[in-house]
Amino acid sequence: MLYFVDSHSRMYYVYSLLNKNQESILGTFKQYTSHIKRHWGFTIKIIYRDGETATTFGSGFRAWVAKEGLIMETSPPHTQD
């Protein structure tokens, strides 16, 4: 499962992953950003992650984040959302 939380509206989006390989995660992120842009007209600027390491997402994901101009931030430990 991959969870997305819109920090403005507090709306939750849940995607079911068939496997947790890096291509699947990247494809799901692309699908989510496309959905947000198409339905709401917003562009995602910051991705907060819950302590996952950079290797979890892979080099393809990091390249896509750089190409899209997104900022990756890690939540402080022992905090909620």
PDB file of N, CA and C in Angstrom:
ATOM      1  N   MET A   1       0.838  -1.171   0.000  1.00  0.00           N
ATOM      2  CA  MET A   1       0.000   0.000   0.000  1.00  0.00           C
ATOM      3  C   MET A   1       0.883   1.235   0.000  1.00  0.00           C
ATOM      4  N   LEU A   2       0.425   2.237  -0.704  1.00  0.00           N
ATOM      5  CA  LEU A   2       1.125   3.510  -0.740  1.00  0.00           C
ATOM      6  C   LEU A   2       0.097   4.577  -0.403  1.00  0.00           C
ATOM      7  N   TYR A   3       0.384   5.367   0.627  1.00  0.00           N
ATOM      8  CA  TYR A   3      -0.550   6.380   1.120  1.00  0.00           C
ATOM      9  C   TYR A   3      -0.058   7.766   0.741  1.00  0.00           C
ATOM     10  N   PHE A   4      -0.985   8.601   0.297  1.00  0.00           N
ATOM     11  CA  PHE A   4      -0.701  10.001   0.039  1.00  0.00           C
ATOM     12  C   PHE A   4      -1.676  10.825   0.872  1.00  0.00           C
ATOM     13  N   VAL A   5      -1.180  11.887   1.477  1.00  0.00           N
ATOM     14  CA  VAL A   5      -2.031  12.783   2.250  1.00  0.00           C
ATOM     15  C   VAL A   5      -1.820  14.189   1.724  1.00  0.00           C
ATOM     16  N   ASP A   6      -2.911  14.815   1.316  1.00  0.00           N
ATOM     17  CA  ASP A   6      -2.859  16.210   0.878  1.00  0.00           C
ATOM     18  C   ASP A   6      -2.792  17.076   2.134  1.00  0.00           C
ATOM     19  N   SER A   7      -1.683  17.768   2.331  1.00  0.00           N
ATOM     20  CA  SER A   7      -1.505  18.533   3.571  1.00  0.00           C
ATOM     21  C   SER A   7      -2.431  19.739   3.653  1.00  0.00           C
ATOM     22  N   HIS A   8      -2.995  20.177   2.544  1.00  0.00           N
ATOM     23  CA  HIS A   8      -3.924  21.306   2.578  1.00  0.00           C
ATOM     24  C   HIS A   8      -5.340  20.856   2.959  1.00  0.00           C
ATOM     25  N   SER A   9      -5.849  19.849   2.263  1.00  0.00           N
ATOM     26  CA  SER A   9      -7.234  19.411   2.496  1.00  0.00           C
ATOM     27  C   SER A   9      -7.329  18.261   3.492  1.00  0.00           C
ATOM     28  N   ARG A  10      -6.194  17.636   3.822  1.00  0.00           N
ATOM     29  CA  ARG A  10      -6.121  16.455   4.688  1.00  0.00           C
ATOM     30  C   ARG A  10      -6.821  15.258   4.044  1.00  0.00           C
ATOM     31  N   MET A  11      -6.989  15.272   2.742  1.00  0.00           N
ATOM     32  CA  MET A  11      -7.599  14.177   2.019  1.00  0.00           C
ATOM     33  C   MET A  11      -6.571  13.054   1.847  1.00  0.00           C
ATOM     34  N   TYR A  12      -7.006  11.826   2.056  1.00  0.00           N
ATOM     35  CA  TYR A  12      -6.142  10.653   1.948  1.00  0.00           C
ATOM     36  C   TYR A  12      -6.388   9.947   0.620  1.00  0.00           C
ATOM     37  N   TYR A  13      -5.306   9.521  -0.006  1.00  0.00           N
ATOM     38  CA  TYR A  13      -5.369   8.708  -1.216  1.00  0.00           C
ATOM     39  C   TYR A  13      -4.574   7.443  -0.929  1.00  0.00           C
ATOM     40  N   VAL A  14      -5.159   6.302  -1.226  1.00  0.00           N
ATOM     41  CA  VAL A  14      -4.503   5.023  -0.963  1.00  0.00           C
ATOM     42  C   VAL A  14      -4.407   4.255  -2.274  1.00  0.00           C
ATOM     43  N   TYR A  15      -3.201   3.824  -2.590  1.00  0.00           N
ATOM     44  CA  TYR A  15      -2.960   3.030  -3.789  1.00  0.00           C
ATOM     45  C   TYR A  15      -2.457   1.664  -3.361  1.00  0.00           C
ATOM     46  N   SER A  16      -3.019   0.639  -3.963  1.00  0.00           N
ATOM     47  CA  SER A  16      -2.592  -0.724  -3.691  1.00  0.00           C
ATOM     48  C   SER A  16      -1.491  -1.091  -4.690  1.00  0.00           C
ATOM     49  N   LEU A  17      -0.376  -1.562  -4.177  1.00  0.00           N
ATOM     50  CA  LEU A  17       0.748  -1.957  -5.026  1.00  0.00           C
ATOM     51  C   LEU A  17       0.791  -3.481  -5.140  1.00  0.00           C
ATOM     52  N   LEU A  18       0.987  -3.969  -6.357  1.00  0.00           N
ATOM     53  CA  LEU A  18       1.131  -5.408  -6.538  1.00  0.00           C
ATOM     54  C   LEU A  18       2.454  -5.894  -5.964  1.00  0.00           C
ATOM     55  N   ASN A  19       3.474  -5.055  -6.082  1.00  0.00           N
ATOM     56  CA  ASN A  19       4.765  -5.346  -5.474  1.00  0.00           C
ATOM     57  C   ASN A  19       5.413  -4.013  -5.105  1.00  0.00           C
ATOM     58  N   LYS A  20       6.457  -4.065  -4.338  1.00  0.00           N
ATOM     59  CA  LYS A  20       7.086  -2.830  -3.859  1.00  0.00           C
ATOM     60  C   LYS A  20       8.388  -2.540  -4.593  1.00  0.00           C
ATOM     61  N   ASN A  21       8.454  -2.911  -5.867  1.00  0.00           N
ATOM     62  CA  ASN A  21       9.680  -2.601  -6.586  1.00  0.00           C
ATOM     63  C   ASN A  21       9.697  -1.116  -6.960  1.00  0.00           C
ATOM     64  N   GLN A  22      10.848  -0.622  -7.326  1.00  0.00           N
ATOM     65  CA  GLN A  22      11.029   0.807  -7.552  1.00  0.00           C
ATOM     66  C   GLN A  22      10.213   1.315  -8.743  1.00  0.00           C
ATOM     67  N   GLU A  23      10.047   0.502  -9.771  1.00  0.00           N
ATOM     68  CA  GLU A  23       9.258   0.921 -10.930  1.00  0.00           C
ATOM     69  C   GLU A  23       7.786   1.086 -10.559  1.00  0.00           C
ATOM     70  N   SER A  24       7.291   0.200  -9.721  1.00  0.00           N
ATOM     71  CA  SER A  24       5.898   0.275  -9.285  1.00  0.00           C
ATOM     72  C   SER A  24       5.656   1.535  -8.450  1.00  0.00           C
ATOM     73  N   ILE A  25       6.581   1.845  -7.560  1.00  0.00           N
ATOM     74  CA  ILE A  25       6.453   3.044  -6.725  1.00  0.00           C
ATOM     75  C   ILE A  25       6.495   4.299  -7.585  1.00  0.00           C
ATOM     76  N   LEU A  26       7.433   4.364  -8.534  1.00  0.00           N
ATOM     77  CA  LEU A  26       7.537   5.523  -9.414  1.00  0.00           C
ATOM     78  C   LEU A  26       6.281   5.679 -10.263  1.00  0.00           C
ATOM     79  N   GLY A  27       5.779   4.586 -10.811  1.00  0.00           N
ATOM     80  CA  GLY A  27       4.553   4.642 -11.612  1.00  0.00           C
ATOM     81  C   GLY A  27       3.363   5.144 -10.807  1.00  0.00           C
ATOM     82  N   THR A  28       3.280   4.744  -9.553  1.00  0.00           N
ATOM     83  CA  THR A  28       2.186   5.178  -8.687  1.00  0.00           C
ATOM     84  C   THR A  28       2.300   6.666  -8.365  1.00  0.00           C
ATOM     85  N   PHE A  29       3.513   7.154  -8.117  1.00  0.00           N
ATOM     86  CA  PHE A  29       3.703   8.583  -7.886  1.00  0.00           C
ATOM     87  C   PHE A  29       3.296   9.391  -9.110  1.00  0.00           C
ATOM     88  N   LYS A  30       3.681   8.933 -10.290  1.00  0.00           N
ATOM     89  CA  LYS A  30       3.316   9.636 -11.516  1.00  0.00           C
ATOM     90  C   LYS A  30       1.801   9.650 -11.705  1.00  0.00           C
ATOM     91  N   GLN A  31       1.168   8.530 -11.419  1.00  0.00           N
ATOM     92  CA  GLN A  31      -0.289   8.432 -11.519  1.00  0.00           C
ATOM     93  C   GLN A  31      -0.958   9.408 -10.546  1.00  0.00           C
ATOM     94  N   TYR A  32      -0.463   9.474  -9.327  1.00  0.00           N
ATOM     95  CA  TYR A  32      -1.032  10.361  -8.318  1.00  0.00           C
ATOM     96  C   TYR A  32      -0.863  11.836  -8.706  1.00  0.00           C
ATOM     97  N   THR A  33       0.345  12.230  -9.132  1.00  0.00           N
ATOM     98  CA  THR A  33       0.555  13.634  -9.500  1.00  0.00           C
ATOM     99  C   THR A  33      -0.301  14.014 -10.699  1.00  0.00           C
ATOM    100  N   SER A  34      -0.460  13.094 -11.631  1.00  0.00           N
ATOM    101  CA  SER A  34      -1.329  13.340 -12.787  1.00  0.00           C
ATOM    102  C   SER A  34      -2.784  13.504 -12.350  1.00  0.00           C
ATOM    103  N   HIS A  35      -3.227  12.667 -11.430  1.00  0.00           N
ATOM    104  CA  HIS A  35      -4.603  12.742 -10.912  1.00  0.00           C
ATOM    105  C   HIS A  35      -4.864  14.101 -10.247  1.00  0.00           C
ATOM    106  N   ILE A  36      -3.945  14.549  -9.414  1.00  0.00           N
ATOM    107  CA  ILE A  36      -4.110  15.819  -8.701  1.00  0.00           C
ATOM    108  C   ILE A  36      -4.165  16.989  -9.690  1.00  0.00           C
ATOM    109  N   LYS A  37      -3.283  16.970 -10.663  1.00  0.00           N
ATOM    110  CA  LYS A  37      -3.252  18.052 -11.653  1.00  0.00           C
ATOM    111  C   LYS A  37      -4.527  18.057 -12.497  1.00  0.00           C
ATOM    112  N   ARG A  38      -4.977  16.884 -12.920  1.00  0.00           N
ATOM    113  CA  ARG A  38      -6.153  16.771 -13.779  1.00  0.00           C
ATOM    114  C   ARG A  38      -7.442  17.151 -13.036  1.00  0.00           C
ATOM    115  N   HIS A  39      -7.593  16.675 -11.809  1.00  0.00           N
ATOM    116  CA  HIS A  39      -8.849  16.885 -11.089  1.00  0.00           C
ATOM    117  C   HIS A  39      -8.911  18.200 -10.324  1.00  0.00           C
ATOM    118  N   TRP A  40      -7.811  18.652  -9.808  1.00  0.00           N
ATOM    119  CA  TRP A  40      -7.821  19.826  -8.956  1.00  0.00           C
ATOM    120  C   TRP A  40      -7.059  21.015  -9.543  1.00  0.00           C
ATOM    121  N   GLY A  41      -6.235  20.783 -10.559  1.00  0.00           N
ATOM    122  CA  GLY A  41      -5.468  21.852 -11.177  1.00  0.00           C
ATOM    123  C   GLY A  41      -4.264  22.302 -10.365  1.00  0.00           C
ATOM    124  N   PHE A  42      -3.842  21.489  -9.417  1.00  0.00           N
ATOM    125  CA  PHE A  42      -2.697  21.826  -8.572  1.00  0.00           C
ATOM    126  C   PHE A  42      -1.459  21.059  -9.010  1.00  0.00           C
ATOM    127  N   THR A  43      -0.323  21.660  -8.785  1.00  0.00           N
ATOM    128  CA  THR A  43       0.948  21.003  -9.037  1.00  0.00           C
ATOM    129  C   THR A  43       1.601  20.695  -7.698  1.00  0.00           C
ATOM    130  N   ILE A  44       2.023  19.467  -7.521  1.00  0.00           N
ATOM    131  CA  ILE A  44       2.692  19.071  -6.284  1.00  0.00           C
ATOM    132  C   ILE A  44       4.085  19.674  -6.288  1.00  0.00           C
ATOM    133  N   LYS A  45       4.476  20.251  -5.150  1.00  0.00           N
ATOM    134  CA  LYS A  45       5.774  20.898  -5.050  1.00  0.00           C
ATOM    135  C   LYS A  45       6.693  20.231  -4.040  1.00  0.00           C
ATOM    136  N   ILE A  46       6.114  19.683  -2.971  1.00  0.00           N
ATOM    137  CA  ILE A  46       6.913  19.068  -1.911  1.00  0.00           C
ATOM    138  C   ILE A  46       6.363  17.679  -1.618  1.00  0.00           C
ATOM    139  N   ILE A  47       7.252  16.718  -1.495  1.00  0.00           N
ATOM    140  CA  ILE A  47       6.890  15.362  -1.086  1.00  0.00           C
ATOM    141  C   ILE A  47       7.521  15.125   0.277  1.00  0.00           C
ATOM    142  N   TYR A  48       6.666  14.875   1.273  1.00  0.00           N
ATOM    143  CA  TYR A  48       7.149  14.519   2.609  1.00  0.00           C
ATOM    144  C   TYR A  48       7.160  13.002   2.702  1.00  0.00           C
ATOM    145  N   ARG A  49       8.215  12.465   3.223  1.00  0.00           N
ATOM    146  CA  ARG A  49       8.274  11.018   3.386  1.00  0.00           C
ATOM    147  C   ARG A  49       8.495  10.691   4.860  1.00  0.00           C
ATOM    148  N   ASP A  50       8.089   9.492   5.223  1.00  0.00           N
ATOM    149  CA  ASP A  50       8.131   9.063   6.621  1.00  0.00           C
ATOM    150  C   ASP A  50       9.373   8.261   6.955  1.00  0.00           C
ATOM    151  N   GLY A  51      10.530   8.764   6.625  1.00  0.00           N
ATOM    152  CA  GLY A  51      11.758   8.103   7.010  1.00  0.00           C
ATOM    153  C   GLY A  51      12.255   7.052   6.046  1.00  0.00           C
ATOM    154  N   GLU A  52      11.591   6.904   4.885  1.00  0.00           N
ATOM    155  CA  GLU A  52      12.113   5.970   3.901  1.00  0.00           C
ATOM    156  C   GLU A  52      13.464   6.484   3.419  1.00  0.00           C
ATOM    157  N   THR A  53      14.345   5.572   3.142  1.00  0.00           N
ATOM    158  CA  THR A  53      15.658   5.982   2.641  1.00  0.00           C
ATOM    159  C   THR A  53      15.565   6.261   1.143  1.00  0.00           C
ATOM    160  N   ALA A  54      16.537   6.960   0.630  1.00  0.00           N
ATOM    161  CA  ALA A  54      16.556   7.278  -0.799  1.00  0.00           C
ATOM    162  C   ALA A  54      16.625   6.010  -1.640  1.00  0.00           C
ATOM    163  N   THR A  55      17.244   4.963  -1.109  1.00  0.00           N
ATOM    164  CA  THR A  55      17.349   3.715  -1.871  1.00  0.00           C
ATOM    165  C   THR A  55      16.000   3.013  -2.002  1.00  0.00           C
ATOM    166  N   THR A  56      15.057   3.304  -1.114  1.00  0.00           N
ATOM    167  CA  THR A  56      13.720   2.716  -1.214  1.00  0.00           C
ATOM    168  C   THR A  56      13.080   3.095  -2.535  1.00  0.00           C
ATOM    169  N   PHE A  57      13.259   4.344  -2.940  1.00  0.00           N
ATOM    170  CA  PHE A  57      12.618   4.851  -4.147  1.00  0.00           C
ATOM    171  C   PHE A  57      13.434   4.589  -5.401  1.00  0.00           C
ATOM    172  N   GLY A  58      14.740   4.528  -5.295  1.00  0.00           N
ATOM    173  CA  GLY A  58      15.587   4.219  -6.432  1.00  0.00           C
ATOM    174  C   GLY A  58      16.040   5.436  -7.215  1.00  0.00           C
ATOM    175  N   SER A  59      17.006   5.214  -8.093  1.00  0.00           N
ATOM    176  CA  SER A  59      17.592   6.314  -8.863  1.00  0.00           C
ATOM    177  C   SER A  59      16.618   6.868  -9.893  1.00  0.00           C
ATOM    178  N   GLY A  60      15.744   6.019 -10.450  1.00  0.00           N
ATOM    179  CA  GLY A  60      14.745   6.501 -11.405  1.00  0.00           C
ATOM    180  C   GLY A  60      13.796   7.493 -10.767  1.00  0.00           C
ATOM    181  N   PHE A  61      13.418   7.217  -9.519  1.00  0.00           N
ATOM    182  CA  PHE A  61      12.524   8.120  -8.793  1.00  0.00           C
ATOM    183  C   PHE A  61      13.225   9.443  -8.502  1.00  0.00           C
ATOM    184  N   ARG A  62      14.472   9.362  -8.042  1.00  0.00           N
ATOM    185  CA  ARG A  62      15.225  10.589  -7.744  1.00  0.00           C
ATOM    186  C   ARG A  62      15.421  11.428  -9.005  1.00  0.00           C
ATOM    187  N   ALA A  63      15.647  10.774 -10.153  1.00  0.00           N
ATOM    188  CA  ALA A  63      15.794  11.495 -11.422  1.00  0.00           C
ATOM    189  C   ALA A  63      14.473  12.170 -11.811  1.00  0.00           C
ATOM    190  N   TRP A  64      13.352  11.477 -11.613  1.00  0.00           N
ATOM    191  CA  TRP A  64      12.045  12.051 -11.927  1.00  0.00           C
ATOM    192  C   TRP A  64      11.744  13.245 -11.029  1.00  0.00           C
ATOM    193  N   VAL A  65      12.058  13.137  -9.725  1.00  0.00           N
ATOM    194  CA  VAL A  65      11.854  14.244  -8.786  1.00  0.00           C
ATOM    195  C   VAL A  65      12.667  15.461  -9.223  1.00  0.00           C
ATOM    196  N   ALA A  66      13.909  15.243  -9.616  1.00  0.00           N
ATOM    197  CA  ALA A  66      14.766  16.345 -10.065  1.00  0.00           C
ATOM    198  C   ALA A  66      14.219  16.963 -11.355  1.00  0.00           C
ATOM    199  N   LYS A  67      13.774  16.125 -12.288  1.00  0.00           N
ATOM    200  CA  LYS A  67      13.230  16.621 -13.556  1.00  0.00           C
ATOM    201  C   LYS A  67      11.964  17.445 -13.342  1.00  0.00           C
ATOM    202  N   GLU A  68      11.117  17.014 -12.417  1.00  0.00           N
ATOM    203  CA  GLU A  68       9.864  17.714 -12.137  1.00  0.00           C
ATOM    204  C   GLU A  68      10.065  18.934 -11.229  1.00  0.00           C
ATOM    205  N   GLY A  69      11.247  19.066 -10.637  1.00  0.00           N
ATOM    206  CA  GLY A  69      11.525  20.197  -9.750  1.00  0.00           C
ATOM    207  C   GLY A  69      10.865  20.073  -8.389  1.00  0.00           C
ATOM    208  N   LEU A  70      10.642  18.852  -7.935  1.00  0.00           N
ATOM    209  CA  LEU A  70      10.004  18.618  -6.640  1.00  0.00           C
ATOM    210  C   LEU A  70      11.038  18.660  -5.521  1.00  0.00           C
ATOM    211  N   ILE A  71      10.574  18.936  -4.328  1.00  0.00           N
ATOM    212  CA  ILE A  71      11.420  18.942  -3.142  1.00  0.00           C
ATOM    213  C   ILE A  71      11.034  17.732  -2.296  1.00  0.00           C
ATOM    214  N   MET A  72      12.030  16.952  -1.869  1.00  0.00           N
ATOM    215  CA  MET A  72      11.791  15.805  -0.994  1.00  0.00           C
ATOM    216  C   MET A  72      12.199  16.183   0.418  1.00  0.00           C
ATOM    217  N   GLU A  73      11.296  16.018   1.371  1.00  0.00           N
ATOM    218  CA  GLU A  73      11.592  16.292   2.777  1.00  0.00           C
ATOM    219  C   GLU A  73      11.203  15.084   3.611  1.00  0.00           C
ATOM    220  N   THR A  74      11.951  14.849   4.667  1.00  0.00           N
ATOM    221  CA  THR A  74      11.666  13.744   5.592  1.00  0.00           C
ATOM    222  C   THR A  74      11.032  14.310   6.859  1.00  0.00           C
ATOM    223  N   SER A  75       9.964  13.659   7.303  1.00  0.00           N
ATOM    224  CA  SER A  75       9.309  14.079   8.539  1.00  0.00           C
ATOM    225  C   SER A  75      10.244  13.859   9.714  1.00  0.00           C
ATOM    226  N   PRO A  76      10.192  14.724  10.723  1.00  0.00           N
ATOM    227  CA  PRO A  76      10.989  14.494  11.937  1.00  0.00           C
ATOM    228  C   PRO A  76      10.542  13.199  12.619  1.00  0.00           C
ATOM    229  N   PRO A  77      11.455  12.510  13.278  1.00  0.00           N
ATOM    230  CA  PRO A  77      11.063  11.267  13.950  1.00  0.00           C
ATOM    231  C   PRO A  77      10.059  11.514  15.082  1.00  0.00           C
ATOM    232  N   HIS A  78       9.193  10.542  15.298  1.00  0.00           N
ATOM    233  CA  HIS A  78       8.224  10.549  16.397  1.00  0.00           C
ATOM    234  C   HIS A  78       7.237  11.696  16.294  1.00  0.00           C
ATOM    235  N   THR A  79       6.836  12.051  15.061  1.00  0.00           N
ATOM    236  CA  THR A  79       5.815  13.074  14.853  1.00  0.00           C
ATOM    237  C   THR A  79       4.701  12.506  14.005  1.00  0.00           C
ATOM    238  N   GLN A  80       3.537  13.083  14.159  1.00  0.00           N
ATOM    239  CA  GLN A  80       2.427  12.685  13.321  1.00  0.00           C
ATOM    240  C   GLN A  80       2.478  13.483  12.028  1.00  0.00           C
ATOM    241  N   ASP A  81       1.937  12.913  10.966  1.00  0.00           N
ATOM    242  CA  ASP A  81       1.887  13.521   9.627  1.00  0.00           C
ATOM    243  C   ASP A  81       2.735  14.759   9.569  1.00  0.00           C
TER     244      ASP A  81
END
